[in-house]
PDB file of N, CA and C in Angstrom:
ATOM      1  N   MET A   1      66.346 129.294 132.199  1.00  0.00           N
ATOM      2  CA  MET A   1      66.607 128.876 130.840  1.00  0.00           C
ATOM      3  C   MET A   1      68.023 128.320 130.727  1.00  0.00           C
ATOM      4  N   GLY A   2      68.988 128.968 131.355  1.00  0.00           N
ATOM      5  CA  GLY A   2      70.369 128.492 131.291  1.00  0.00           C
ATOM      6  C   GLY A   2      70.550 127.156 131.967  1.00  0.00           C
ATOM      7  N   GLU A   3      69.859 126.941 133.078  1.00  0.00           N
ATOM      8  CA  GLU A   3      69.957 125.659 133.778  1.00  0.00           C
ATOM      9  C   GLU A   3      69.354 124.538 132.951  1.00  0.00           C
ATOM     10  N   ASP A   4      68.223 124.815 132.291  1.00  0.00           N
ATOM     11  CA  ASP A   4      67.601 123.803 131.444  1.00  0.00           C
ATOM     12  C   ASP A   4      68.515 123.411 130.294  1.00  0.00           C
ATOM     13  N   LEU A   5      69.129 124.393 129.683  1.00  0.00           N
ATOM     14  CA  LEU A   5      70.048 124.112 128.574  1.00  0.00           C
ATOM     15  C   LEU A   5      71.245 123.314 129.070  1.00  0.00           C
ATOM     16  N   GLY A   6      71.754 123.666 130.247  1.00  0.00           N
ATOM     17  CA  GLY A   6      72.880 122.927 130.822  1.00  0.00           C
ATOM     18  C   GLY A   6      72.534 121.479 131.086  1.00  0.00           C
ATOM     19  N   ARG A   7      71.338 121.226 131.595  1.00  0.00           N
ATOM     20  CA  ARG A   7      70.916 119.841 131.844  1.00  0.00           C
ATOM     21  C   ARG A   7      70.731 119.072 130.545  1.00  0.00           C
ATOM     22  N   GLN A   8      70.170 119.718 129.534  1.00  0.00           N
ATOM     23  CA  GLN A   8      69.954 119.035 128.256  1.00  0.00           C
ATOM     24  C   GLN A   8      71.277 118.693 127.582  1.00  0.00           C
ATOM     25  N   LEU A   9      72.235 119.581 127.687  1.00  0.00           N
ATOM     26  CA  LEU A   9      73.536 119.306 127.080  1.00  0.00           C
ATOM     27  C   LEU A   9      74.293 118.229 127.845  1.00  0.00           C
ATOM     28  N   ALA A  10      74.123 118.201 129.167  1.00  0.00           N
ATOM     29  CA  ALA A  10      74.817 117.212 129.987  1.00  0.00           C
ATOM     30  C   ALA A  10      74.229 115.820 129.784  1.00  0.00           C
ATOM     31  N   ALA A  11      72.930 115.735 129.704  1.00  0.00           N
ATOM     32  CA  ALA A  11      72.261 114.445 129.540  1.00  0.00           C
ATOM     33  C   ALA A  11      71.053 114.610 128.621  1.00  0.00           C
ATOM     34  N   PRO A  12      71.272 114.671 127.317  1.00  0.00           N
ATOM     35  CA  PRO A  12      70.131 114.837 126.409  1.00  0.00           C
ATOM     36  C   PRO A  12      69.270 113.576 126.392  1.00  0.00           C
ATOM     37  N   SER A  13      67.972 113.799 126.316  1.00  0.00           N
ATOM     38  CA  SER A  13      67.071 112.644 126.246  1.00  0.00           C
ATOM     39  C   SER A  13      67.133 112.056 124.839  1.00  0.00           C
ATOM     40  N   PRO A  14      67.003 110.741 124.709  1.00  0.00           N
ATOM     41  CA  PRO A  14      67.163 110.101 123.398  1.00  0.00           C
ATOM     42  C   PRO A  14      66.081 110.473 122.397  1.00  0.00           C
ATOM     43  N   GLU A  15      64.884 110.833 122.852  1.00  0.00           N
ATOM     44  CA  GLU A  15      63.815 111.132 121.907  1.00  0.00           C
ATOM     45  C   GLU A  15      63.852 112.571 121.392  1.00  0.00           C
ATOM     46  N   GLU A  16      64.583 113.461 122.044  1.00  0.00           N
ATOM     47  CA  GLU A  16      64.670 114.841 121.609  1.00  0.00           C
ATOM     48  C   GLU A  16      65.954 115.050 120.789  1.00  0.00           C
ATOM     49  N   PRO A  17      65.828 115.659 119.609  1.00  0.00           N
ATOM     50  CA  PRO A  17      67.037 115.930 118.823  1.00  0.00           C
ATOM     51  C   PRO A  17      67.856 117.028 119.477  1.00  0.00           C
ATOM     52  N   ARG A  18      69.144 116.994 119.237  1.00  0.00           N
ATOM     53  CA  ARG A  18      70.041 118.018 119.772  1.00  0.00           C
ATOM     54  C   ARG A  18      69.834 119.317 119.010  1.00  0.00           C
ATOM     55  N   PRO A  19      70.064 120.451 119.630  1.00  0.00           N
ATOM     56  CA  PRO A  19      69.926 121.733 118.923  1.00  0.00           C
ATOM     57  C   PRO A  19      70.825 121.779 117.698  1.00  0.00           C
ATOM     58  N   PRO A  20      70.368 122.411 116.610  1.00  0.00           N
ATOM     59  CA  PRO A  20      71.170 122.424 115.377  1.00  0.00           C
ATOM     60  C   PRO A  20      72.537 123.068 115.548  1.00  0.00           C
ATOM     61  N   SER A  21      72.683 123.974 116.488  1.00  0.00           N
ATOM     62  CA  SER A  21      73.969 124.639 116.646  1.00  0.00           C
ATOM     63  C   SER A  21      75.052 123.693 117.140  1.00  0.00           C
ATOM     64  N   LEU A  22      74.666 122.517 117.624  1.00  0.00           N
ATOM     65  CA  LEU A  22      75.651 121.566 118.120  1.00  0.00           C
ATOM     66  C   LEU A  22      76.110 120.578 117.050  1.00  0.00           C
ATOM     67  N   HIS A  23      75.529 120.644 115.891  1.00  0.00           N
ATOM     68  CA  HIS A  23      75.897 119.715 114.826  1.00  0.00           C
ATOM     69  C   HIS A  23      77.033 120.291 113.996  1.00  0.00           C
ATOM     70  N   LEU A  24      78.074 119.545 113.862  1.00  0.00           N
ATOM     71  CA  LEU A  24      79.236 119.991 113.094  1.00  0.00           C
ATOM     72  C   LEU A  24      78.869 120.264 111.639  1.00  0.00           C
ATOM     73  N   GLU A  25      78.008 119.437 111.085  1.00  0.00           N
ATOM     74  CA  GLU A  25      77.613 119.610 109.688  1.00  0.00           C
ATOM     75  C   GLU A  25      76.969 120.980 109.456  1.00  0.00           C
ATOM     76  N   TRP A  26      76.137 121.413 110.393  1.00  0.00           N
ATOM     77  CA  TRP A  26      75.485 122.710 110.277  1.00  0.00           C
ATOM     78  C   TRP A  26      76.521 123.833 110.293  1.00  0.00           C
ATOM     79  N   TRP A  27      77.503 123.735 111.190  1.00  0.00           N
ATOM     80  CA  TRP A  27      78.543 124.760 111.279  1.00  0.00           C
ATOM     81  C   TRP A  27      79.356 124.818 109.992  1.00  0.00           C
ATOM     82  N   VAL A  28      79.704 123.670 109.456  1.00  0.00           N
ATOM     83  CA  VAL A  28      80.508 123.633 108.230  1.00  0.00           C
ATOM     84  C   VAL A  28      79.741 124.241 107.067  1.00  0.00           C
ATOM     85  N   LYS A  29      78.483 123.859 106.912  1.00  0.00           N
ATOM     86  CA  LYS A  29      77.664 124.369 105.813  1.00  0.00           C
ATOM     87  C   LYS A  29      77.482 125.885 105.912  1.00  0.00           C
ATOM     88  N   THR A  30      77.212 126.383 107.101  1.00  0.00           N
ATOM     89  CA  THR A  30      77.034 127.811 107.309  1.00  0.00           C
ATOM     90  C   THR A  30      78.325 128.568 107.041  1.00  0.00           C
ATOM     91  N   SER A  31      79.439 128.037 107.511  1.00  0.00           N
ATOM     92  CA  SER A  31      80.737 128.686 107.295  1.00  0.00           C
ATOM     93  C   SER A  31      81.089 128.735 105.816  1.00  0.00           C
ATOM     94  N   GLN A  32      80.823 127.658 105.112  1.00  0.00           N
ATOM     95  CA  GLN A  32      81.121 127.638 103.682  1.00  0.00           C
ATOM     96  C   GLN A  32      80.265 128.635 102.922  1.00  0.00           C
ATOM     97  N   ALA A  33      78.983 128.726 103.257  1.00  0.00           N
ATOM     98  CA  ALA A  33      78.090 129.664 102.584  1.00  0.00           C
ATOM     99  C   ALA A  33      78.539 131.104 102.839  1.00  0.00           C
ATOM    100  N   PHE A  34      78.891 131.409 104.088  1.00  0.00           N
ATOM    101  CA  PHE A  34      79.344 132.759 104.431  1.00  0.00           C
ATOM    102  C   PHE A  34      80.637 133.107 103.697  1.00  0.00           C
ATOM    103  N   THR A  35      81.571 132.186 103.692  1.00  0.00           N
ATOM    104  CA  THR A  35      82.862 132.417 103.036  1.00  0.00           C
ATOM    105  C   THR A  35      82.684 132.614 101.544  1.00  0.00           C
ATOM    106  N   LYS A  36      81.852 131.780 100.938  1.00  0.00           N
ATOM    107  CA  LYS A  36      81.631 131.884  99.494  1.00  0.00           C
ATOM    108  C   LYS A  36      80.975 133.215  99.137  1.00  0.00           C
ATOM    109  N   GLU A  37      79.956 133.614  99.911  1.00  0.00           N
ATOM    110  CA  GLU A  37      79.275 134.871  99.620  1.00  0.00           C
ATOM    111  C   GLU A  37      80.217 136.057  99.800  1.00  0.00           C
ATOM    112  N   THR A  38      80.991 136.046 100.867  1.00  0.00           N
ATOM    113  CA  THR A  38      81.927 137.143 101.121  1.00  0.00           C
ATOM    114  C   THR A  38      83.007 137.209 100.049  1.00  0.00           C
ATOM    115  N   LEU A  39      83.548 136.064  99.680  1.00  0.00           N
ATOM    116  CA  LEU A  39      84.599 136.028  98.668  1.00  0.00           C
ATOM    117  C   LEU A  39      84.095 136.525  97.320  1.00  0.00           C
ATOM    118  N   LEU A  40      82.935 136.043  96.883  1.00  0.00           N
ATOM    119  CA  LEU A  40      82.414 136.459  95.584  1.00  0.00           C
ATOM    120  C   LEU A  40      81.995 137.927  95.583  1.00  0.00           C
ATOM    121  N   ALA A  41      81.458 138.419  96.692  1.00  0.00           N
ATOM    122  CA  ALA A  41      81.087 139.837  96.769  1.00  0.00           C
ATOM    123  C   ALA A  41      82.329 140.713  96.697  1.00  0.00           C
ATOM    124  N   THR A  42      83.376 140.335  97.419  1.00  0.00           N
ATOM    125  CA  THR A  42      84.619 141.105  97.394  1.00  0.00           C
ATOM    126  C   THR A  42      85.250 141.065  96.009  1.00  0.00           C
ATOM    127  N   LEU A  43      85.292 139.888  95.423  1.00  0.00           N
ATOM    128  CA  LEU A  43      85.864 139.742  94.085  1.00  0.00           C
ATOM    129  C   LEU A  43      85.071 140.545  93.062  1.00  0.00           C
ATOM    130  N   GLY A  44      83.746 140.490  93.134  1.00  0.00           N
ATOM    131  CA  GLY A  44      82.910 141.260  92.209  1.00  0.00           C
ATOM    132  C   GLY A  44      83.155 142.748  92.338  1.00  0.00           C
ATOM    133  N   GLY A  45      83.286 143.216  93.569  1.00  0.00           N
ATOM    134  CA  GLY A  45      83.570 144.633  93.794  1.00  0.00           C
ATOM    135  C   GLY A  45      84.920 145.051  93.248  1.00  0.00           C
ATOM    136  N   ARG A  46      85.920 144.217  93.452  1.00  0.00           N
ATOM    137  CA  ARG A  46      87.273 144.542  92.963  1.00  0.00           C
ATOM    138  C   ARG A  46      87.328 144.570  91.434  1.00  0.00           C
ATOM    139  N   VAL A  47      86.688 143.585  90.808  1.00  0.00           N
ATOM    140  CA  VAL A  47      86.711 143.515  89.343  1.00  0.00           C
ATOM    141  C   VAL A  47      85.964 144.710  88.752  1.00  0.00           C
ATOM    142  N   ALA A  48      84.782 145.011  89.309  1.00  0.00           N
ATOM    143  CA  ALA A  48      84.014 146.151  88.792  1.00  0.00           C
ATOM    144  C   ALA A  48      84.782 147.455  88.976  1.00  0.00           C
ATOM    145  N   ARG A  49      85.451 147.599  90.107  1.00  0.00           N
ATOM    146  CA  ARG A  49      86.233 148.824  90.360  1.00  0.00           C
ATOM    147  C   ARG A  49      87.409 148.926  89.390  1.00  0.00           C
ATOM    148  N   ALA A  50      88.060 147.802  89.128  1.00  0.00           N
ATOM    149  CA  ALA A  50      89.209 147.820  88.229  1.00  0.00           C
ATOM    150  C   ALA A  50      88.801 148.129  86.785  1.00  0.00           C
ATOM    151  N   ILE A  51      87.658 147.624  86.365  1.00  0.00           N
ATOM    152  CA  ILE A  51      87.238 147.799  84.974  1.00  0.00           C
ATOM    153  C   ILE A  51      86.481 149.110  84.765  1.00  0.00           C
ATOM    154  N   LEU A  52      85.530 149.399  85.666  1.00  0.00           N
ATOM    155  CA  LEU A  52      84.628 150.531  85.449  1.00  0.00           C
ATOM    156  C   LEU A  52      84.859 151.725  86.368  1.00  0.00           C
ATOM    157  N   GLY A  53      85.731 151.577  87.349  1.00  0.00           N
ATOM    158  CA  GLY A  53      86.016 152.692  88.241  1.00  0.00           C
ATOM    159  C   GLY A  53      85.342 152.545  89.597  1.00  0.00           C
ATOM    160  N   PRO A  54      85.670 153.456  90.519  1.00  0.00           N
ATOM    161  CA  PRO A  54      85.180 153.358  91.894  1.00  0.00           C
ATOM    162  C   PRO A  54      83.656 153.395  92.028  1.00  0.00           C
ATOM    163  N   GLN A  55      82.962 154.113  91.154  1.00  0.00           N
ATOM    164  CA  GLN A  55      81.514 154.206  91.254  1.00  0.00           C
ATOM    165  C   GLN A  55      80.812 152.877  90.963  1.00  0.00           C
ATOM    166  N   ALA A  56      81.478 151.941  90.320  1.00  0.00           N
ATOM    167  CA  ALA A  56      80.876 150.651  89.979  1.00  0.00           C
ATOM    168  C   ALA A  56      81.136 149.578  91.031  1.00  0.00           C
ATOM    169  N   GLU A  57      81.904 149.896  92.059  1.00  0.00           N
ATOM    170  CA  GLU A  57      82.260 148.890  93.066  1.00  0.00           C
ATOM    171  C   GLU A  57      81.034 148.325  93.786  1.00  0.00           C
ATOM    172  N   VAL A  58      80.102 149.178  94.147  1.00  0.00           N
ATOM    173  CA  VAL A  58      78.897 148.730  94.862  1.00  0.00           C
ATOM    174  C   VAL A  58      78.098 147.760  94.002  1.00  0.00           C
ATOM    175  N   GLU A  59      77.955 148.058  92.731  1.00  0.00           N
ATOM    176  CA  GLU A  59      77.226 147.157  91.834  1.00  0.00           C
ATOM    177  C   GLU A  59      77.954 145.830  91.672  1.00  0.00           C
ATOM    178  N   GLY A  60      79.268 145.860  91.655  1.00  0.00           N
ATOM    179  CA  GLY A  60      80.042 144.618  91.584  1.00  0.00           C
ATOM    180  C   GLY A  60      79.852 143.761  92.820  1.00  0.00           C
ATOM    181  N   ILE A  61      79.777 144.400  93.992  1.00  0.00           N
ATOM    182  CA  ILE A  61      79.532 143.663  95.238  1.00  0.00           C
ATOM    183  C   ILE A  61      78.158 143.019  95.195  1.00  0.00           C
ATOM    184  N   ARG A  62      77.162 143.762  94.737  1.00  0.00           N
ATOM    185  CA  ARG A  62      75.802 143.195  94.623  1.00  0.00           C
ATOM    186  C   ARG A  62      75.773 142.020  93.645  1.00  0.00           C
ATOM    187  N   ALA A  63      76.462 142.177  92.524  1.00  0.00           N
ATOM    188  CA  ALA A  63      76.487 141.099  91.532  1.00  0.00           C
ATOM    189  C   ALA A  63      77.165 139.851  92.100  1.00  0.00           C
ATOM    190  N   GLY A  64      78.242 140.029  92.839  1.00  0.00           N
ATOM    191  CA  GLY A  64      78.923 138.886  93.451  1.00  0.00           C
ATOM    192  C   GLY A  64      78.058 138.194  94.484  1.00  0.00           C
ATOM    193  N   THR A  65      77.316 138.970  95.260  1.00  0.00           N
ATOM    194  CA  THR A  65      76.416 138.399  96.260  1.00  0.00           C
ATOM    195  C   THR A  65      75.295 137.619  95.596  1.00  0.00           C
ATOM    196  N   ARG A  66      74.711 138.192  94.536  1.00  0.00           N
ATOM    197  CA  ARG A  66      73.646 137.467  93.813  1.00  0.00           C
ATOM    198  C   ARG A  66      74.177 136.174  93.210  1.00  0.00           C
ATOM    199  N   ARG A  67      75.380 136.224  92.677  1.00  0.00           N
ATOM    200  CA  ARG A  67      75.978 135.032  92.054  1.00  0.00           C
ATOM    201  C   ARG A  67      76.192 133.925  93.093  1.00  0.00           C
ATOM    202  N   SER A  68      76.650 134.288  94.274  1.00  0.00           N
ATOM    203  CA  SER A  68      76.883 133.277  95.303  1.00  0.00           C
ATOM    204  C   SER A  68      75.569 132.633  95.737  1.00  0.00           C
ATOM    205  N   ARG A  69      74.499 133.416  95.826  1.00  0.00           N
ATOM    206  CA  ARG A  69      73.192 132.844  96.185  1.00  0.00           C
ATOM    207  C   ARG A  69      72.668 131.948  95.077  1.00  0.00           C
ATOM    208  N   HIS A  70      72.947 132.324  93.842  1.00  0.00           N
ATOM    209  CA  HIS A  70      72.518 131.496  92.706  1.00  0.00           C
ATOM    210  C   HIS A  70      73.253 130.148  92.723  1.00  0.00           C
ATOM    211  N   LEU A  71      74.514 130.160  93.095  1.00  0.00           N
ATOM    212  CA  LEU A  71      75.297 128.916  93.151  1.00  0.00           C
ATOM    213  C   LEU A  71      74.848 128.011  94.279  1.00  0.00           C
ATOM    214  N   ASP A  72      74.222 128.572  95.322  1.00  0.00           N
ATOM    215  CA  ASP A  72      73.759 127.762  96.456  1.00  0.00           C
ATOM    216  C   ASP A  72      72.536 126.927  96.124  1.00  0.00           C
ATOM    217  N   ARG A  73      71.842 127.247  95.069  1.00  0.00           N
ATOM    218  CA  ARG A  73      70.622 126.505  94.720  1.00  0.00           C
ATOM    219  C   ARG A  73      70.887 125.119  94.298  1.00  0.00           C
TER     220      ARG A  73
END
């Protein structure tokens, strides 16, 4: 399997598309989605903890995660 992948990367055939992991656009989109979800989850947890106390932090993280997924639509 490793040799086949090495040959395909060295000389890909024109009719076969390259694996998605090699496309810069895919990496950028995935990184942005991960960063946005992590940032909003952390922010939601911090805000909920500051306003409602430590017991509300988990719910704030969930709310931030849901919000980030809603924004991705």
